[in-house]
Amino acid sequence: MMLDQTMVVLGFFAFCGGLIDAAVGGGGLVQVPALLHALPQYSLATVFGTNKLAVLAGNLSSIFRYVRRIKIVWKLMIPMAVSAFVCSFLGALFVSVIPREAMEYVVFCVLVVMAVYTFCKKNLGRVQVAIEYGNKDVLLGVFFGGIIGFYDGVFGPGSGSLLLFVFVKCFGFDFLNASASAKLVNLGTFSAALLFFIPSGNVLWQVGALVGVCNILGSITGVFLALRFGSGFVRVFFLILLVFLIARLGISILS
């Protein structure tokens, strides 16, 4: 087992990751590097599997709090979550095949586009647009759920932020509703990935339990802040997170 000091530091980053993930997604880019630093003797698959266990716990905690306050568009959400579930499992199967560097380049470019677009569109996601969601919208949701689900299974960090942006840009959600809906889709991606990581022995249960508890505490805090201050707060927090993610991935690419 790790040294106590390392455990405390890891717990702190897990709390921060849970808070960020519950509010705007993307907490994995805080939590995964902390796990990589704390577990240098383990494979990438084991680090990812342990992280999935922890974020699933935090995700469940935030969902229970969001669904009591947010009206969920189930017609769109269920097919999207199923698509994400299936494709996330497929992504986990390819975790050792697809070059991590290639994924980082693609996600870096996507994050830059998201940040510029959100910053320029001042009213984007402030108010939810009333839309009757038809079959085309459902199919679009299945497509995006599959793409982001596959990415989550292969790499993961930032998938919640990608989902949030899709809900705001493509489906007219405000940022608060988009954040809640992203958690439901991520529930599918995290569960599917664990169906691969657990049987293959790539989960450290003791470490996962510690990180999971801290992730839940952070999640409770993140949901409280999002519900208390609304979509305007989530939008600003989202932009700050994108800048952080871009910087974090940029350093990783250049190093």
Protein backbone atom coordinates (compact mmCIF):
# COMPACT_ATOMS: atom_id res chain seq x y z
CA MET A 1 0.00 0.00 0.00
CA MET A 2 1.17 3.54 -0.64
CA LEU A 3 2.63 5.89 1.94
CA ASP A 4 0.10 7.85 4.02
CA GLN A 5 1.29 11.19 2.62
CA THR A 6 0.74 9.99 -0.93
CA MET A 7 -2.73 8.77 0.02
CA VAL A 8 -3.64 12.19 1.43
CA VAL A 9 -2.46 13.98 -1.72
CA LEU A 10 -4.31 11.48 -3.90
CA GLY A 11 -7.46 11.98 -1.82
CA PHE A 12 -7.22 15.75 -2.26
CA PHE A 13 -6.94 15.47 -6.05
CA ALA A 14 -9.81 12.96 -6.07
CA PHE A 15 -11.98 15.50 -4.19
CA CYS A 16 -11.06 18.21 -6.71
CA GLY A 17 -11.71 15.82 -9.59
CA GLY A 18 -15.15 14.93 -8.20
CA LEU A 19 -16.07 18.59 -7.71
CA ILE A 20 -15.04 19.55 -11.25
CA ASP A 21 -16.66 16.48 -12.80
CA ALA A 22 -20.00 17.06 -11.04
CA ALA A 23 -20.16 20.69 -12.14
CA VAL A 24 -18.79 20.67 -15.69
CA GLY A 25 -17.13 17.31 -16.42
CA GLY A 26 -13.44 16.79 -17.14
CA GLY A 27 -12.40 15.91 -13.59
CA GLY A 28 -10.40 12.99 -14.96
CA LEU A 29 -7.67 15.34 -16.17
CA VAL A 30 -7.09 16.18 -12.51
CA GLN A 31 -7.57 12.72 -11.08
CA VAL A 32 -5.85 10.51 -13.67
CA PRO A 33 -2.45 12.34 -13.53
CA ALA A 34 -2.59 12.07 -9.73
CA LEU A 35 -3.17 8.32 -10.00
CA LEU A 36 -0.38 7.96 -12.57
CA HIS A 37 2.00 9.75 -10.21
CA ALA A 38 0.90 7.69 -7.19
CA LEU A 39 0.91 4.32 -9.00
CA PRO A 40 4.03 4.36 -11.23
CA GLN A 41 4.52 0.60 -10.86
CA TYR A 42 1.14 -0.26 -12.42
CA SER A 43 0.04 -0.42 -16.05
CA LEU A 44 -2.00 2.28 -17.76
CA ALA A 45 -4.97 -0.12 -17.89
CA THR A 46 -4.85 -0.61 -14.10
CA VAL A 47 -4.70 3.15 -13.49
CA PHE A 48 -7.65 3.70 -15.84
CA GLY A 49 -9.63 0.85 -14.28
CA THR A 50 -9.09 2.17 -10.74
CA ASN A 51 -10.07 5.66 -11.90
CA LYS A 52 -13.29 4.35 -13.51
CA LEU A 53 -14.33 2.72 -10.23
CA ALA A 54 -13.86 6.00 -8.35
CA VAL A 55 -15.57 8.23 -10.90
CA LEU A 56 -18.52 5.84 -11.13
CA ALA A 57 -19.09 6.33 -7.40
CA GLY A 58 -18.90 10.12 -7.73
CA ASN A 59 -21.09 10.06 -10.81
CA LEU A 60 -23.84 8.10 -9.07
CA SER A 61 -23.76 10.56 -6.18
CA SER A 62 -24.19 13.57 -8.48
CA ILE A 63 -26.97 11.89 -10.50
CA PHE A 64 -29.10 11.30 -7.39
CA ARG A 65 -28.88 15.00 -6.56
CA TYR A 66 -29.41 16.31 -10.08
CA VAL A 67 -32.45 14.22 -11.08
CA ARG A 68 -34.49 15.59 -8.18
CA ARG A 69 -34.00 19.14 -9.43
CA ILE A 70 -33.50 18.86 -13.21
CA LYS A 71 -36.02 17.77 -15.83
CA ILE A 72 -34.34 15.03 -17.85
CA VAL A 73 -35.19 14.49 -21.55
CA TRP A 74 -35.43 10.69 -21.28
CA LYS A 75 -36.41 10.22 -24.95
CA LEU A 76 -32.97 11.51 -25.91
CA MET A 77 -31.02 10.34 -22.89
CA ILE A 78 -31.75 6.60 -22.85
CA PRO A 79 -30.67 5.82 -26.47
CA MET A 80 -27.65 8.07 -26.07
CA ALA A 81 -26.60 6.33 -22.84
CA VAL A 82 -27.03 2.86 -24.40
CA SER A 83 -24.91 3.86 -27.39
CA ALA A 84 -22.24 5.28 -25.07
CA PHE A 85 -22.31 2.08 -22.98
CA VAL A 86 -21.70 -0.21 -25.96
CA CYS A 87 -19.02 1.95 -27.54
CA SER A 88 -17.23 2.55 -24.23
CA PHE A 89 -16.84 -1.21 -23.80
CA LEU A 90 -15.42 -1.43 -27.32
CA GLY A 91 -13.08 1.45 -26.53
CA ALA A 92 -11.80 -0.33 -23.42
CA LEU A 93 -10.97 -3.36 -25.57
CA PHE A 94 -8.78 -1.10 -27.74
CA VAL A 95 -7.09 0.72 -24.83
CA SER A 96 -3.74 -0.97 -25.53
CA VAL A 97 -4.02 -0.74 -29.34
CA ILE A 98 -4.82 2.91 -30.11
CA PRO A 99 -1.83 5.25 -29.51
CA ARG A 100 -2.49 7.56 -26.59
CA GLU A 101 -0.60 10.36 -28.33
CA ALA A 102 -3.02 10.31 -31.25
CA MET A 103 -5.99 10.68 -28.91
CA GLU A 104 -4.32 13.62 -27.16
CA TYR A 105 -3.82 15.52 -30.45
CA VAL A 106 -7.45 15.03 -31.49
CA VAL A 107 -8.89 16.01 -28.10
CA PHE A 108 -6.56 19.03 -27.86
CA CYS A 109 -7.90 20.40 -31.16
CA VAL A 110 -11.52 19.71 -30.16
CA LEU A 111 -11.07 21.48 -26.82
CA VAL A 112 -9.60 24.58 -28.49
CA VAL A 113 -12.59 24.78 -30.86
CA MET A 114 -15.02 24.32 -27.95
CA ALA A 115 -13.34 27.04 -25.89
CA VAL A 116 -13.27 29.60 -28.72
CA TYR A 117 -16.87 28.89 -29.73
CA THR A 118 -18.23 29.05 -26.16
CA PHE A 119 -16.34 32.28 -25.45
CA CYS A 120 -17.58 33.97 -28.64
CA LYS A 121 -21.22 32.88 -28.14
CA LYS A 122 -21.96 34.91 -25.02
CA ASN A 123 -25.51 33.59 -24.59
CA LEU A 124 -24.72 29.97 -25.38
CA GLY A 125 -26.22 27.69 -22.74
CA ARG A 126 -27.60 30.43 -20.49
CA VAL A 127 -31.22 29.49 -21.15
CA GLN A 128 -32.61 26.14 -22.29
CA VAL A 129 -34.33 26.24 -25.68
CA ALA A 130 -37.76 24.57 -25.86
CA ILE A 131 -37.39 21.86 -28.51
CA GLU A 132 -39.53 18.88 -29.50
CA TYR A 133 -36.94 16.15 -29.87
CA GLY A 134 -37.67 13.93 -32.90
CA ASN A 135 -36.09 10.83 -34.41
CA LYS A 136 -33.31 12.84 -36.06
CA ASP A 137 -32.31 14.28 -32.70
CA VAL A 138 -32.33 10.82 -31.14
CA LEU A 139 -30.11 9.47 -33.93
CA LEU A 140 -27.76 12.42 -33.50
CA GLY A 141 -27.63 11.65 -29.78
CA VAL A 142 -26.85 7.99 -30.50
CA PHE A 143 -24.02 9.11 -32.82
CA PHE A 144 -22.43 11.50 -30.33
CA GLY A 145 -22.99 9.05 -27.47
CA GLY A 146 -21.14 6.38 -29.44
CA ILE A 147 -18.21 8.62 -30.42
CA ILE A 148 -17.70 10.06 -26.93
CA GLY A 149 -18.35 6.67 -25.32
CA PHE A 150 -15.59 5.07 -27.42
CA TYR A 151 -13.21 7.89 -26.49
CA ASP A 152 -14.10 7.43 -22.81
CA GLY A 153 -13.28 3.73 -23.00
CA VAL A 154 -9.94 4.32 -24.73
CA PHE A 155 -8.71 7.40 -22.86
CA GLY A 156 -11.46 9.06 -20.81
CA PRO A 157 -10.46 12.40 -19.28
CA GLY A 158 -12.56 15.25 -20.64
CA SER A 159 -15.45 13.09 -21.90
CA GLY A 160 -17.90 14.81 -19.55
CA SER A 161 -16.92 18.22 -20.93
CA LEU A 162 -17.37 16.97 -24.50
CA LEU A 163 -20.85 15.69 -23.63
CA LEU A 164 -21.76 18.95 -21.92
CA PHE A 165 -20.81 20.93 -25.02
CA VAL A 166 -22.79 18.59 -27.30
CA PHE A 167 -25.92 19.01 -25.16
CA VAL A 168 -25.60 22.81 -25.19
CA LYS A 169 -24.64 23.27 -28.85
CA CYS A 170 -26.63 20.52 -30.58
CA PHE A 171 -29.69 20.10 -28.35
CA GLY A 172 -30.27 23.58 -26.94
CA PHE A 173 -29.73 22.68 -23.25
CA ASP A 174 -28.63 25.28 -20.75
CA PHE A 175 -25.36 24.52 -19.00
CA LEU A 176 -26.98 23.27 -15.80
CA ASN A 177 -29.25 20.77 -17.58
CA ALA A 178 -26.39 19.76 -19.87
CA SER A 179 -24.18 19.02 -16.88
CA ALA A 180 -26.85 16.82 -15.29
CA SER A 181 -27.54 15.00 -18.57
CA ALA A 182 -23.85 14.37 -19.20
CA LYS A 183 -23.69 12.50 -15.89
CA LEU A 184 -26.39 10.07 -17.05
CA VAL A 185 -24.51 9.29 -20.27
CA ASN A 186 -21.24 8.94 -18.36
CA LEU A 187 -22.95 6.42 -16.09
CA GLY A 188 -23.12 4.16 -19.13
CA THR A 189 -19.53 4.77 -20.23
CA PHE A 190 -18.03 4.20 -16.78
CA SER A 191 -20.07 1.02 -16.19
CA ALA A 192 -19.17 -0.45 -19.57
CA ALA A 193 -15.45 0.24 -19.13
CA LEU A 194 -15.52 -1.49 -15.73
CA LEU A 195 -17.05 -4.59 -17.35
CA PHE A 196 -13.71 -4.88 -19.12
CA PHE A 197 -11.32 -3.63 -16.42
CA ILE A 198 -12.68 -5.68 -13.49
CA PRO A 199 -12.59 -9.18 -15.10
CA SER A 200 -9.13 -8.43 -16.52
CA GLY A 201 -7.85 -7.62 -13.00
CA ASN A 202 -7.16 -3.95 -13.74
CA VAL A 203 -8.79 -2.42 -10.64
CA LEU A 204 -7.01 -1.70 -7.34
CA TRP A 205 -9.93 -1.96 -4.92
CA GLN A 206 -8.34 -0.35 -1.85
CA VAL A 207 -7.04 2.63 -3.78
CA GLY A 208 -10.31 2.83 -5.72
CA ALA A 209 -12.30 2.90 -2.47
CA LEU A 210 -10.27 5.81 -1.07
CA VAL A 211 -10.41 7.77 -4.32
CA GLY A 212 -14.12 6.94 -4.67
CA VAL A 213 -15.05 8.32 -1.24
CA CYS A 214 -13.13 11.54 -1.89
CA ASN A 215 -14.69 11.73 -5.35
CA ILE A 216 -18.17 11.46 -3.82
CA LEU A 217 -17.42 14.28 -1.36
CA GLY A 218 -16.17 16.44 -4.22
CA SER A 219 -19.23 15.52 -6.28
CA ILE A 220 -21.60 16.62 -3.52
CA THR A 221 -19.80 19.97 -3.38
CA GLY A 222 -19.83 20.37 -7.18
CA VAL A 223 -23.57 19.67 -7.48
CA PHE A 224 -24.31 22.11 -4.66
CA LEU A 225 -22.36 24.89 -6.40
CA ALA A 226 -23.98 24.16 -9.79
CA LEU A 227 -27.53 24.15 -8.40
CA ARG A 228 -26.88 27.13 -6.14
CA PHE A 229 -25.40 29.44 -8.78
CA GLY A 230 -27.03 28.10 -11.97
CA SER A 231 -26.05 28.02 -15.64
CA GLY A 232 -24.08 31.26 -15.59
CA PHE A 233 -21.71 29.83 -12.99
CA VAL A 234 -21.42 26.51 -14.85
CA ARG A 235 -20.63 28.36 -18.10
CA VAL A 236 -17.77 30.34 -16.51
CA PHE A 237 -16.50 27.23 -14.71
CA PHE A 238 -16.66 25.34 -18.01
CA LEU A 239 -14.53 27.95 -19.81
CA ILE A 240 -11.96 27.95 -16.98
CA LEU A 241 -11.82 24.17 -17.14
CA LEU A 242 -11.32 24.19 -20.91
CA VAL A 243 -8.35 26.55 -20.56
CA PHE A 244 -6.90 24.20 -17.93
CA LEU A 245 -7.50 21.10 -20.08
CA ILE A 246 -5.94 22.75 -23.14
CA ALA A 247 -2.87 23.75 -21.12
CA ARG A 248 -2.63 20.30 -19.52
CA LEU A 249 -2.85 18.45 -22.82
CA GLY A 250 -0.57 20.95 -24.54
CA ILE A 251 2.17 20.33 -21.97
CA SER A 252 1.68 16.57 -22.34
CA ILE A 253 1.97 16.78 -26.15
CA LEU A 254 5.07 18.98 -26.08
CA SER A 255 6.89 17.04 -23.36
